[in-house]
PDB file of N, CA and C in Angstrom:
ATOM      1  N   MET A   1      42.312 -24.141 -48.154  1.00  0.00           N
ATOM      2  CA  MET A   1      41.227 -23.608 -49.006  1.00  0.00           C
ATOM      3  C   MET A   1      40.231 -22.909 -48.063  1.00  0.00           C
ATOM      4  N   THR A   2      39.841 -21.686 -48.419  1.00  0.00           N
ATOM      5  CA  THR A   2      38.889 -20.960 -47.590  1.00  0.00           C
ATOM      6  C   THR A   2      37.451 -21.307 -48.029  1.00  0.00           C
ATOM      7  N   TRP A   3      36.537 -20.971 -47.179  1.00  0.00           N
ATOM      8  CA  TRP A   3      35.117 -21.267 -47.450  1.00  0.00           C
ATOM      9  C   TRP A   3      34.616 -20.542 -48.695  1.00  0.00           C
ATOM     10  N   HIS A   4      35.246 -19.432 -49.076  1.00  0.00           N
ATOM     11  CA  HIS A   4      34.764 -18.578 -50.198  1.00  0.00           C
ATOM     12  C   HIS A   4      34.680 -19.368 -51.503  1.00  0.00           C
ATOM     13  N   VAL A   5      35.641 -20.262 -51.725  1.00  0.00           N
ATOM     14  CA  VAL A   5      35.640 -20.976 -53.029  1.00  0.00           C
ATOM     15  C   VAL A   5      34.545 -22.047 -53.014  1.00  0.00           C
ATOM     16  N   MET A   6      34.011 -22.456 -51.892  1.00  0.00           N
ATOM     17  CA  MET A   6      32.955 -23.451 -51.864  1.00  0.00           C
ATOM     18  C   MET A   6      31.552 -22.809 -51.817  1.00  0.00           C
ATOM     19  N   ALA A   7      31.529 -21.493 -51.737  1.00  0.00           N
ATOM     20  CA  ALA A   7      30.222 -20.788 -51.639  1.00  0.00           C
ATOM     21  C   ALA A   7      29.415 -20.912 -52.892  1.00  0.00           C
ATOM     22  N   ALA A   8      28.078 -21.040 -52.689  1.00  0.00           N
ATOM     23  CA  ALA A   8      27.178 -21.185 -53.835  1.00  0.00           C
ATOM     24  C   ALA A   8      27.214 -19.909 -54.705  1.00  0.00           C
ATOM     25  N   CYS A   9      27.618 -18.804 -54.137  1.00  0.00           N
ATOM     26  CA  CYS A   9      27.622 -17.528 -54.884  1.00  0.00           C
ATOM     27  C   CYS A   9      28.945 -17.324 -55.639  1.00  0.00           C
ATOM     28  N   ALA A  10      29.935 -18.190 -55.424  1.00  0.00           N
ATOM     29  CA  ALA A  10      31.258 -18.042 -56.077  1.00  0.00           C
ATOM     30  C   ALA A  10      31.063 -17.956 -57.569  1.00  0.00           C
ATOM     31  N   GLY A  11      31.549 -16.943 -58.185  1.00  0.00           N
ATOM     32  CA  GLY A  11      31.450 -16.787 -59.636  1.00  0.00           C
ATOM     33  C   GLY A  11      30.189 -16.026 -60.111  1.00  0.00           C
ATOM     34  N   LEU A  12      29.280 -15.774 -59.176  1.00  0.00           N
ATOM     35  CA  LEU A  12      28.052 -15.016 -59.526  1.00  0.00           C
ATOM     36  C   LEU A  12      28.362 -13.534 -59.426  1.00  0.00           C
ATOM     37  N   ASP A  13      27.521 -12.704 -60.056  1.00  0.00           N
ATOM     38  CA  ASP A  13      27.658 -11.262 -59.998  1.00  0.00           C
ATOM     39  C   ASP A  13      27.420 -10.798 -58.565  1.00  0.00           C
ATOM     40  N   PRO A  14      28.423 -10.173 -57.932  1.00  0.00           N
ATOM     41  CA  PRO A  14      28.264  -9.701 -56.541  1.00  0.00           C
ATOM     42  C   PRO A  14      27.085  -8.717 -56.346  1.00  0.00           C
ATOM     43  N   ASP A  15      26.739  -8.007 -57.412  1.00  0.00           N
ATOM     44  CA  ASP A  15      25.647  -7.039 -57.329  1.00  0.00           C
ATOM     45  C   ASP A  15      24.315  -7.754 -56.989  1.00  0.00           C
ATOM     46  N   LEU A  16      24.201  -9.023 -57.305  1.00  0.00           N
ATOM     47  CA  LEU A  16      22.983  -9.780 -56.968  1.00  0.00           C
ATOM     48  C   LEU A  16      22.743  -9.757 -55.479  1.00  0.00           C
ATOM     49  N   PHE A  17      23.783  -9.713 -54.689  1.00  0.00           N
ATOM     50  CA  PHE A  17      23.705  -9.756 -53.237  1.00  0.00           C
ATOM     51  C   PHE A  17      23.699  -8.369 -52.572  1.00  0.00           C
ATOM     52  N   LEU A  18      23.630  -7.336 -53.434  1.00  0.00           N
ATOM     53  CA  LEU A  18      23.490  -5.974 -52.963  1.00  0.00           C
ATOM     54  C   LEU A  18      22.288  -5.326 -53.692  1.00  0.00           C
ATOM     55  N   PRO A  19      21.112  -5.882 -53.470  1.00  0.00           N
ATOM     56  CA  PRO A  19      19.938  -5.346 -54.209  1.00  0.00           C
ATOM     57  C   PRO A  19      19.534  -3.966 -53.752  1.00  0.00           C
ATOM     58  N   GLU A  20      18.909  -3.247 -54.699  1.00  0.00           N
ATOM     59  CA  GLU A  20      18.420  -1.910 -54.386  1.00  0.00           C
ATOM     60  C   GLU A  20      17.285  -2.012 -53.374  1.00  0.00           C
ATOM     61  N   ARG A  21      17.122  -0.980 -52.573  1.00  0.00           N
ATOM     62  CA  ARG A  21      16.056  -0.931 -51.568  1.00  0.00           C
ATOM     63  C   ARG A  21      14.706  -1.114 -52.263  1.00  0.00           C
ATOM     64  N   GLY A  22      13.917  -2.048 -51.769  1.00  0.00           N
ATOM     65  CA  GLY A  22      12.610  -2.313 -52.316  1.00  0.00           C
ATOM     66  C   GLY A  22      12.561  -3.331 -53.436  1.00  0.00           C
ATOM     67  N   ASP A  23      13.735  -3.815 -53.864  1.00  0.00           N
ATOM     68  CA  ASP A  23      13.793  -4.819 -54.944  1.00  0.00           C
ATOM     69  C   ASP A  23      13.649  -6.223 -54.327  1.00  0.00           C
ATOM     70  N   HIS A  24      12.416  -6.542 -53.977  1.00  0.00           N
ATOM     71  CA  HIS A  24      12.112  -7.817 -53.296  1.00  0.00           C
ATOM     72  C   HIS A  24      12.445  -9.066 -54.141  1.00  0.00           C
ATOM     73  N   ALA A  25      12.284  -8.923 -55.464  1.00  0.00           N
ATOM     74  CA  ALA A  25      12.543 -10.074 -56.323  1.00  0.00           C
ATOM     75  C   ALA A  25      14.055 -10.439 -56.256  1.00  0.00           C
ATOM     76  N   SER A  26      14.915  -9.433 -56.267  1.00  0.00           N
ATOM     77  CA  SER A  26      16.365  -9.673 -56.172  1.00  0.00           C
ATOM     78  C   SER A  26      16.725 -10.250 -54.832  1.00  0.00           C
ATOM     79  N   VAL A  27      16.074  -9.744 -53.746  1.00  0.00           N
ATOM     80  CA  VAL A  27      16.329 -10.275 -52.399  1.00  0.00           C
ATOM     81  C   VAL A  27      16.020 -11.715 -52.366  1.00  0.00           C
ATOM     82  N   ARG A  28      14.816 -12.092 -52.875  1.00  0.00           N
ATOM     83  CA  ARG A  28      14.396 -13.495 -52.868  1.00  0.00           C
ATOM     84  C   ARG A  28      15.376 -14.356 -53.665  1.00  0.00           C
ATOM     85  N   LEU A  29      15.825 -13.864 -54.816  1.00  0.00           N
ATOM     86  CA  LEU A  29      16.740 -14.646 -55.660  1.00  0.00           C
ATOM     87  C   LEU A  29      18.078 -14.883 -54.890  1.00  0.00           C
ATOM     88  N   ALA A  30      18.631 -13.813 -54.274  1.00  0.00           N
ATOM     89  CA  ALA A  30      19.846 -13.928 -53.492  1.00  0.00           C
ATOM     90  C   ALA A  30      19.709 -14.913 -52.337  1.00  0.00           C
ATOM     91  N   LEU A  31      18.600 -14.813 -51.634  1.00  0.00           N
ATOM     92  CA  LEU A  31      18.354 -15.719 -50.512  1.00  0.00           C
ATOM     93  C   LEU A  31      18.160 -17.176 -50.978  1.00  0.00           C
ATOM     94  N   ALA A  32      17.619 -17.342 -52.177  1.00  0.00           N
ATOM     95  CA  ALA A  32      17.497 -18.702 -52.727  1.00  0.00           C
ATOM     96  C   ALA A  32      18.862 -19.297 -52.998  1.00  0.00           C
ATOM     97  N   VAL A  33      19.830 -18.509 -53.435  1.00  0.00           N
ATOM     98  CA  VAL A  33      21.165 -18.985 -53.663  1.00  0.00           C
ATOM     99  C   VAL A  33      21.793 -19.396 -52.317  1.00  0.00           C
ATOM    100  N   CYS A  34      21.562 -18.560 -51.322  1.00  0.00           N
ATOM    101  CA  CYS A  34      22.094 -18.894 -49.962  1.00  0.00           C
ATOM    102  C   CYS A  34      21.529 -20.204 -49.410  1.00  0.00           C
ATOM    103  N   GLU A  35      20.267 -20.475 -49.733  1.00  0.00           N
ATOM    104  CA  GLU A  35      19.651 -21.727 -49.240  1.00  0.00           C
ATOM    105  C   GLU A  35      20.372 -22.951 -49.712  1.00  0.00           C
ATOM    106  N   THR A  36      21.068 -22.856 -50.858  1.00  0.00           N
ATOM    107  CA  THR A  36      21.756 -24.009 -51.434  1.00  0.00           C
ATOM    108  C   THR A  36      23.231 -24.043 -51.018  1.00  0.00           C
ATOM    109  N   CYS A  37      23.651 -23.082 -50.272  1.00  0.00           N
ATOM    110  CA  CYS A  37      25.080 -22.936 -49.971  1.00  0.00           C
ATOM    111  C   CYS A  37      25.566 -23.815 -48.840  1.00  0.00           C
ATOM    112  N   PRO A  38      26.670 -24.548 -49.081  1.00  0.00           N
ATOM    113  CA  PRO A  38      27.208 -25.428 -48.038  1.00  0.00           C
ATOM    114  C   PRO A  38      27.964 -24.686 -46.969  1.00  0.00           C
ATOM    115  N   VAL A  39      28.309 -23.426 -47.191  1.00  0.00           N
ATOM    116  CA  VAL A  39      29.116 -22.679 -46.225  1.00  0.00           C
ATOM    117  C   VAL A  39      28.386 -21.413 -45.753  1.00  0.00           C
ATOM    118  N   VAL A  40      27.081 -21.446 -45.711  1.00  0.00           N
ATOM    119  CA  VAL A  40      26.257 -20.289 -45.347  1.00  0.00           C
ATOM    120  C   VAL A  40      26.570 -19.813 -43.946  1.00  0.00           C
ATOM    121  N   ASP A  41      26.869 -20.684 -42.988  1.00  0.00           N
ATOM    122  CA  ASP A  41      27.211 -20.285 -41.634  1.00  0.00           C
ATOM    123  C   ASP A  41      28.520 -19.519 -41.570  1.00  0.00           C
ATOM    124  N   ASP A  42      29.486 -19.952 -42.328  1.00  0.00           N
ATOM    125  CA  ASP A  42      30.808 -19.247 -42.374  1.00  0.00           C
ATOM    126  C   ASP A  42      30.589 -17.865 -42.956  1.00  0.00           C
ATOM    127  N   CYS A  43      29.800 -17.746 -43.994  1.00  0.00           N
ATOM    128  CA  CYS A  43      29.509 -16.436 -44.582  1.00  0.00           C
ATOM    129  C   CYS A  43      28.850 -15.496 -43.595  1.00  0.00           C
ATOM    130  N   LEU A  44      27.842 -16.026 -42.875  1.00  0.00           N
ATOM    131  CA  LEU A  44      27.162 -15.193 -41.888  1.00  0.00           C
ATOM    132  C   LEU A  44      28.126 -14.768 -40.801  1.00  0.00           C
ATOM    133  N   ALA A  45      28.960 -15.677 -40.287  1.00  0.00           N
ATOM    134  CA  ALA A  45      29.878 -15.345 -39.210  1.00  0.00           C
ATOM    135  C   ALA A  45      30.843 -14.239 -39.634  1.00  0.00           C
ATOM    136  N   GLU A  46      31.333 -14.299 -40.851  1.00  0.00           N
ATOM    137  CA  GLU A  46      32.276 -13.315 -41.352  1.00  0.00           C
ATOM    138  C   GLU A  46      31.627 -11.957 -41.639  1.00  0.00           C
ATOM    139  N   ASN A  47      30.352 -12.002 -41.944  1.00  0.00           N
ATOM    140  CA  ASN A  47      29.693 -10.749 -42.411  1.00  0.00           C
ATOM    141  C   ASN A  47      28.605 -10.268 -41.465  1.00  0.00           C
ATOM    142  N   LEU A  48      28.616 -10.722 -40.230  1.00  0.00           N
ATOM    143  CA  LEU A  48      27.573 -10.356 -39.258  1.00  0.00           C
ATOM    144  C   LEU A  48      27.466  -8.870 -39.049  1.00  0.00           C
ATOM    145  N   GLU A  49      28.561  -8.138 -39.161  1.00  0.00           N
ATOM    146  CA  GLU A  49      28.551  -6.691 -38.955  1.00  0.00           C
ATOM    147  C   GLU A  49      28.128  -5.870 -40.198  1.00  0.00           C
ATOM    148  N   GLN A  50      27.989  -6.526 -41.346  1.00  0.00           N
ATOM    149  CA  GLN A  50      27.543  -5.837 -42.569  1.00  0.00           C
ATOM    150  C   GLN A  50      26.137  -5.287 -42.358  1.00  0.00           C
ATOM    151  N   THR A  51      25.904  -4.104 -42.730  1.00  0.00           N
ATOM    152  CA  THR A  51      24.568  -3.466 -42.543  1.00  0.00           C
ATOM    153  C   THR A  51      23.718  -3.568 -43.778  1.00  0.00           C
ATOM    154  N   GLU A  52      24.303  -3.735 -44.934  1.00  0.00           N
ATOM    155  CA  GLU A  52      23.586  -3.799 -46.224  1.00  0.00           C
ATOM    156  C   GLU A  52      23.892  -5.112 -46.945  1.00  0.00           C
ATOM    157  N   GLY A  53      22.979  -5.508 -47.803  1.00  0.00           N
ATOM    158  CA  GLY A  53      23.215  -6.679 -48.662  1.00  0.00           C
ATOM    159  C   GLY A  53      22.751  -7.976 -48.042  1.00  0.00           C
ATOM    160  N   ILE A  54      22.925  -9.023 -48.858  1.00  0.00           N
ATOM    161  CA  ILE A  54      22.563 -10.400 -48.456  1.00  0.00           C
ATOM    162  C   ILE A  54      23.819 -11.169 -48.167  1.00  0.00           C
ATOM    163  N   PHE A  55      23.972 -11.654 -46.956  1.00  0.00           N
ATOM    164  CA  PHE A  55      25.155 -12.408 -46.569  1.00  0.00           C
ATOM    165  C   PHE A  55      24.690 -13.546 -45.637  1.00  0.00           C
ATOM    166  N   GLY A  56      25.175 -14.755 -45.844  1.00  0.00           N
ATOM    167  CA  GLY A  56      24.848 -15.852 -44.967  1.00  0.00           C
ATOM    168  C   GLY A  56      23.355 -16.135 -44.859  1.00  0.00           C
ATOM    169  N   GLY A  57      22.624 -15.908 -45.937  1.00  0.00           N
ATOM    170  CA  GLY A  57      21.202 -16.168 -45.919  1.00  0.00           C
ATOM    171  C   GLY A  57      20.377 -15.164 -45.107  1.00  0.00           C
ATOM    172  N   THR A  58      20.961 -13.999 -44.894  1.00  0.00           N
ATOM    173  CA  THR A  58      20.271 -12.954 -44.093  1.00  0.00           C
ATOM    174  C   THR A  58      20.313 -11.611 -44.788  1.00  0.00           C
ATOM    175  N   THR A  59      19.327 -10.778 -44.458  1.00  0.00           N
ATOM    176  CA  THR A  59      19.343  -9.379 -44.917  1.00  0.00           C
ATOM    177  C   THR A  59      19.986  -8.550 -43.843  1.00  0.00           C
ATOM    178  N   GLY A  60      20.220  -7.292 -44.144  1.00  0.00           N
ATOM    179  CA  GLY A  60      20.755  -6.375 -43.149  1.00  0.00           C
ATOM    180  C   GLY A  60      19.891  -6.275 -41.944  1.00  0.00           C
ATOM    181  N   LYS A  61      18.578  -6.254 -42.124  1.00  0.00           N
ATOM    182  CA  LYS A  61      17.643  -6.208 -41.015  1.00  0.00           C
ATOM    183  C   LYS A  61      17.755  -7.472 -40.145  1.00  0.00           C
ATOM    184  N   ASP A  62      17.862  -8.633 -40.825  1.00  0.00           N
ATOM    185  CA  ASP A  62      18.023  -9.883 -40.063  1.00  0.00           C
ATOM    186  C   ASP A  62      19.271  -9.864 -39.182  1.00  0.00           C
ATOM    187  N   ARG A  63      20.376  -9.347 -39.765  1.00  0.00           N
ATOM    188  CA  ARG A  63      21.641  -9.320 -39.014  1.00  0.00           C
ATOM    189  C   ARG A  63      21.593  -8.337 -37.847  1.00  0.00           C
ATOM    190  N   ARG A  64      20.895  -7.215 -38.024  1.00  0.00           N
ATOM    191  CA  ARG A  64      20.748  -6.259 -36.900  1.00  0.00           C
ATOM    192  C   ARG A  64      20.023  -6.953 -35.724  1.00  0.00           C
ATOM    193  N   LEU A  65      18.973  -7.698 -36.051  1.00  0.00           N
ATOM    194  CA  LEU A  65      18.239  -8.435 -35.017  1.00  0.00           C
ATOM    195  C   LEU A  65      19.130  -9.485 -34.360  1.00  0.00           C
ATOM    196  N   LEU A  66      19.901 -10.181 -35.127  1.00  0.00           N
ATOM    197  CA  LEU A  66      20.814 -11.173 -34.579  1.00  0.00           C
ATOM    198  C   LEU A  66      21.862 -10.556 -33.655  1.00  0.00           C
ATOM    199  N   ARG A  67      22.425  -9.441 -34.067  1.00  0.00           N
ATOM    200  CA  ARG A  67      23.440  -8.790 -33.206  1.00  0.00           C
ATOM    201  C   ARG A  67      22.858  -8.329 -31.893  1.00  0.00           C
ATOM    202  N   ARG A  68      21.604  -7.902 -31.909  1.00  0.00           N
ATOM    203  CA  ARG A  68      20.950  -7.425 -30.666  1.00  0.00           C
ATOM    204  C   ARG A  68      20.694  -8.579 -29.686  1.00  0.00           C
ATOM    205  N   THR A  69      20.383  -9.756 -30.211  1.00  0.00           N
ATOM    206  CA  THR A  69      19.986 -10.849 -29.362  1.00  0.00           C
ATOM    207  C   THR A  69      21.139 -11.854 -29.092  1.00  0.00           C
ATOM    208  N   MET A  70      22.251 -11.638 -29.793  1.00  0.00           N
ATOM    209  CA  MET A  70      23.390 -12.534 -29.659  1.00  0.00           C
ATOM    210  C   MET A  70      24.169 -12.274 -28.365  1.00  0.00           C
ATOM    211  N   PRO A  71      24.691 -13.325 -27.804  1.00  0.00           N
ATOM    212  CA  PRO A  71      25.538 -13.124 -26.619  1.00  0.00           C
ATOM    213  C   PRO A  71      26.736 -12.235 -26.955  1.00  0.00           C
ATOM    214  N   LYS A  72      27.154 -11.415 -26.041  1.00  0.00           N
ATOM    215  CA  LYS A  72      28.292 -10.536 -26.236  1.00  0.00           C
ATOM    216  C   LYS A  72      29.614 -11.323 -26.144  1.00  0.00           C
ATOM    217  N   LEU A  73      30.555 -10.918 -26.934  1.00  0.00           N
ATOM    218  CA  LEU A  73      31.893 -11.569 -26.893  1.00  0.00           C
ATOM    219  C   LEU A  73      32.666 -10.864 -25.822  1.00  0.00           C
ATOM    220  N   ARG A  74      33.154 -11.653 -24.839  1.00  0.00           N
ATOM    221  CA  ARG A  74      33.926 -11.087 -23.715  1.00  0.00           C
ATOM    222  C   ARG A  74      35.260 -11.826 -23.610  1.00  0.00           C
ATOM    223  N   SER A  75      36.188 -11.210 -22.840  1.00  0.00           N
ATOM    224  CA  SER A  75      37.511 -11.848 -22.574  1.00  0.00           C
ATOM    225  C   SER A  75      37.467 -12.249 -21.150  1.00  0.00           C
ATOM    226  N   CYS A  76      37.863 -13.484 -20.843  1.00  0.00           N
ATOM    227  CA  CYS A  76      37.964 -14.005 -19.518  1.00  0.00           C
ATOM    228  C   CYS A  76      38.990 -13.206 -18.711  1.00  0.00           C
ATOM    229  N   LEU A  77      38.664 -12.764 -17.520  1.00  0.00           N
ATOM    230  CA  LEU A  77      39.600 -11.987 -16.712  1.00  0.00           C
ATOM    231  C   LEU A  77      40.774 -12.805 -16.240  1.00  0.00           C
ATOM    232  N   TRP A  78      40.646 -14.114 -16.212  1.00  0.00           N
ATOM    233  CA  TRP A  78      41.742 -14.946 -15.727  1.00  0.00           C
ATOM    234  C   TRP A  78      42.637 -15.420 -16.860  1.00  0.00           C
ATOM    235  N   CYS A  79      42.061 -16.134 -17.845  1.00  0.00           N
ATOM    236  CA  CYS A  79      42.874 -16.742 -18.886  1.00  0.00           C
ATOM    237  C   CYS A  79      42.937 -15.934 -20.185  1.00  0.00           C
ATOM    238  N   GLY A  80      42.016 -14.983 -20.353  1.00  0.00           N
ATOM    239  CA  GLY A  80      42.012 -14.158 -21.537  1.00  0.00           C
ATOM    240  C   GLY A  80      41.290 -14.763 -22.746  1.00  0.00           C
ATOM    241  N   ASP A  81      40.809 -15.991 -22.604  1.00  0.00           N
ATOM    242  CA  ASP A  81      40.056 -16.621 -23.682  1.00  0.00           C
ATOM    243  C   ASP A  81      38.804 -15.827 -24.025  1.00  0.00           C
ATOM    244  N   LYS A  82      38.403 -15.804 -25.256  1.00  0.00           N
ATOM    245  CA  LYS A  82      37.163 -15.150 -25.680  1.00  0.00           C
ATOM    246  C   LYS A  82      36.014 -16.099 -25.472  1.00  0.00           C
ATOM    247  N   PHE A  83      34.869 -15.589 -25.005  1.00  0.00           N
ATOM    248  CA  PHE A  83      33.697 -16.414 -24.820  1.00  0.00           C
ATOM    249  C   PHE A  83      32.461 -15.542 -24.984  1.00  0.00           C
ATOM    250  N   ARG A  84      31.314 -16.137 -25.345  1.00  0.00           N
ATOM    251  CA  ARG A  84      30.081 -15.384 -25.517  1.00  0.00           C
ATOM    252  C   ARG A  84      29.129 -15.692 -24.395  1.00  0.00           C
ATOM    253  N   THR A  85      28.479 -14.621 -23.909  1.00  0.00           N
ATOM    254  CA  THR A  85      27.493 -14.776 -22.862  1.00  0.00           C
ATOM    255  C   THR A  85      26.514 -13.619 -22.894  1.00  0.00           C
ATOM    256  N   LEU A  86      25.279 -13.873 -22.516  1.00  0.00           N
ATOM    257  CA  LEU A  86      24.278 -12.838 -22.330  1.00  0.00           C
ATOM    258  C   LEU A  86      24.360 -12.245 -20.946  1.00  0.00           C
ATOM    259  N   GLU A  87      24.995 -12.941 -20.041  1.00  0.00           N
ATOM    260  CA  GLU A  87      25.081 -12.553 -18.644  1.00  0.00           C
ATOM    261  C   GLU A  87      26.303 -11.637 -18.414  1.00  0.00           C
ATOM    262  N   GLN A  88      26.332 -10.958 -17.296  1.00  0.00           N
ATOM    263  CA  GLN A  88      27.466 -10.083 -16.932  1.00  0.00           C
ATOM    264  C   GLN A  88      28.508 -10.898 -16.172  1.00  0.00           C
ATOM    265  N   VAL A  89      28.960 -11.973 -16.747  1.00  0.00           N
ATOM    266  CA  VAL A  89      30.003 -12.776 -16.129  1.00  0.00           C
ATOM    267  C   VAL A  89      31.396 -12.356 -16.573  1.00  0.00           C
ATOM    268  N   GLN A  90      32.400 -12.613 -15.783  1.00  0.00           N
ATOM    269  CA  GLN A  90      33.745 -12.140 -16.087  1.00  0.00           C
ATOM    270  C   GLN A  90      34.679 -13.282 -16.419  1.00  0.00           C
ATOM    271  N   PHE A  91      34.264 -14.538 -16.239  1.00  0.00           N
ATOM    272  CA  PHE A  91      35.120 -15.666 -16.452  1.00  0.00           C
ATOM    273  C   PHE A  91      34.491 -16.653 -17.449  1.00  0.00           C
ATOM    274  N   CYS A  92      35.307 -17.298 -18.242  1.00  0.00           N
ATOM    275  CA  CYS A  92      34.818 -18.214 -19.249  1.00  0.00           C
ATOM    276  C   CYS A  92      34.331 -19.529 -18.625  1.00  0.00           C
ATOM    277  N   SER A  93      34.754 -19.825 -17.407  1.00  0.00           N
ATOM    278  CA  SER A  93      34.346 -21.068 -16.742  1.00  0.00           C
ATOM    279  C   SER A  93      34.474 -20.886 -15.229  1.00  0.00           C
ATOM    280  N   GLY A  94      33.839 -21.804 -14.532  1.00  0.00           N
ATOM    281  CA  GLY A  94      33.936 -21.816 -13.068  1.00  0.00           C
ATOM    282  C   GLY A  94      35.355 -22.011 -12.607  1.00  0.00           C
ATOM    283  N   ALA A  95      36.122 -22.811 -13.341  1.00  0.00           N
ATOM    284  CA  ALA A  95      37.511 -23.110 -12.972  1.00  0.00           C
ATOM    285  C   ALA A  95      38.341 -21.817 -13.045  1.00  0.00           C
ATOM    286  N   CYS A  96      38.143 -21.011 -14.067  1.00  0.00           N
ATOM    287  CA  CYS A  96      38.895 -19.761 -14.209  1.00  0.00           C
ATOM    288  C   CYS A  96      38.497 -18.775 -13.062  1.00  0.00           C
ATOM    289  N   GLY A  97      37.216 -18.718 -12.759  1.00  0.00           N
ATOM    290  CA  GLY A  97      36.757 -17.843 -11.686  1.00  0.00           C
ATOM    291  C   GLY A  97      37.396 -18.275 -10.344  1.00  0.00           C
ATOM    292  N   GLN A  98      37.392 -19.578 -10.119  1.00  0.00           N
ATOM    293  CA  GLN A  98      37.993 -20.102  -8.871  1.00  0.00           C
ATOM    294  C   GLN A  98      39.504 -19.812  -8.840  1.00  0.00           C
ATOM    295  N   ALA A  99      40.192 -20.021  -9.944  1.00  0.00           N
ATOM    296  CA  ALA A  99      41.639 -19.773 -10.011  1.00  0.00           C
ATOM    297  C   ALA A  99      41.924 -18.292  -9.717  1.00  0.00           C
ATOM    298  N   ARG A 100      41.115 -17.414 -10.282  1.00  0.00           N
ATOM    299  CA  ARG A 100      41.304 -15.994 -10.051  1.00  0.00           C
ATOM    300  C   ARG A 100      41.092 -15.645  -8.555  1.00  0.00           C
ATOM    301  N   ARG A 101      40.055 -16.211  -7.959  1.00  0.00           N
ATOM    302  CA  ARG A 101      39.781 -15.963  -6.517  1.00  0.00           C
ATOM    303  C   ARG A 101      40.961 -16.438  -5.663  1.00  0.00           C
ATOM    304  N   HIS A 102      41.480 -17.644  -5.958  1.00  0.00           N
ATOM    305  CA  HIS A 102      42.598 -18.154  -5.187  1.00  0.00           C
ATOM    306  C   HIS A 102      43.844 -17.261  -5.338  1.00  0.00           C
ATOM    307  N   ALA A 103      44.080 -16.794  -6.561  1.00  0.00           N
ATOM    308  CA  ALA A 103      45.243 -15.935  -6.780  1.00  0.00           C
ATOM    309  C   ALA A 103      45.069 -14.613  -6.045  1.00  0.00           C
ATOM    310  N   LYS A 104      43.823 -14.057  -6.025  1.00  0.00           N
ATOM    311  CA  LYS A 104      43.589 -12.835  -5.276  1.00  0.00           C
ATOM    312  C   LYS A 104      43.812 -13.037  -3.794  1.00  0.00           C
ATOM    313  N   GLN A 105      43.325 -14.168  -3.254  1.00  0.00           N
ATOM    314  CA  GLN A 105      43.499 -14.453  -1.853  1.00  0.00           C
ATOM    315  C   GLN A 105      45.010 -14.585  -1.509  1.00  0.00           C
ATOM    316  N   ALA A 106      45.751 -15.259  -2.360  1.00  0.00           N
ATOM    317  CA  ALA A 106      47.179 -15.428  -2.101  1.00  0.00           C
ATOM    318  C   ALA A 106      47.888 -14.065  -2.178  1.00  0.00           C
ATOM    319  N   GLU A 107      47.507 -13.247  -3.104  1.00  0.00           N
ATOM    320  CA  GLU A 107      48.093 -11.903  -3.245  1.00  0.00           C
ATOM    321  C   GLU A 107      47.778 -11.045  -2.016  1.00  0.00           C
ATOM    322  N   SER A 108      46.567 -11.131  -1.569  1.00  0.00           N
ATOM    323  CA  SER A 108      46.115 -10.400  -0.341  1.00  0.00           C
ATOM    324  C   SER A 108      46.871 -10.868   0.849  1.00  0.00           C
ATOM    325  N   ALA A 109      47.131 -12.150   0.983  1.00  0.00           N
ATOM    326  CA  ALA A 109      47.853 -12.702   2.093  1.00  0.00           C
ATOM    327  C   ALA A 109      49.318 -12.173   2.127  1.00  0.00           C
ATOM    328  N   VAL A 110      49.892 -11.995   0.966  1.00  0.00           N
ATOM    329  CA  VAL A 110      51.272 -11.490   0.861  1.00  0.00           C
ATOM    330  C   VAL A 110      51.282 -10.015   1.357  1.00  0.00           C
ATOM    331  N   TRP A 111      50.326  -9.247   0.937  1.00  0.00           N
ATOM    332  CA  TRP A 111      50.276  -7.831   1.300  1.00  0.00           C
ATOM    333  C   TRP A 111      50.000  -7.606   2.747  1.00  0.00           C
ATOM    334  N   THR A 112      49.164  -8.461   3.344  1.00  0.00           N
ATOM    335  CA  THR A 112      48.822  -8.266   4.782  1.00  0.00           C
ATOM    336  C   THR A 112      49.759  -9.035   5.703  1.00  0.00           C
ATOM    337  N   GLY A 113      50.552  -9.959   5.123  1.00  0.00           N
ATOM    338  CA  GLY A 113      51.462 -10.711   5.947  1.00  0.00           C
ATOM    339  C   GLY A 113      50.800 -11.884   6.637  1.00  0.00           C
ATOM    340  N   SER A 114      49.539 -12.152   6.324  1.00  0.00           N
ATOM    341  CA  SER A 114      48.855 -13.285   6.960  1.00  0.00           C
ATOM    342  C   SER A 114      49.047 -14.526   6.121  1.00  0.00           C
ATOM    343  N   PRO A 115      48.985 -15.699   6.754  1.00  0.00           N
ATOM    344  CA  PRO A 115      49.116 -16.933   5.994  1.00  0.00           C
ATOM    345  C   PRO A 115      47.912 -17.152   5.145  1.00  0.00           C
ATOM    346  N   SER A 116      48.149 -17.805   3.986  1.00  0.00           N
ATOM    347  CA  SER A 116      47.001 -18.025   3.064  1.00  0.00           C
ATOM    348  C   SER A 116      46.167 -19.163   3.392  1.00  0.00           C
TER     349      SER A 116
END
């Protein structure tokens, strides 16, 4: 079962969550529905890139701010796992960074003919 069927908005008119610009009453009503929702985090995660409408208890403006301040999703250069970070790091953990360094040293030793 997906989170959609447990959403507080399931069965409601979808247009409620796409209010016209400046329709503050509709925005407040949609956000009030989101406040009661048991799966609001799942909704936000799935709709973070949406620029319009109310999703996950947020407006389009809220989501733009979140995307700007959110850690970037990166792929670890060693294991390939996805991870989020605000820093310019290349590995998901110290262990992956160390494993990559050891592999590079071993590869370098093979090319130069020196012992590792």
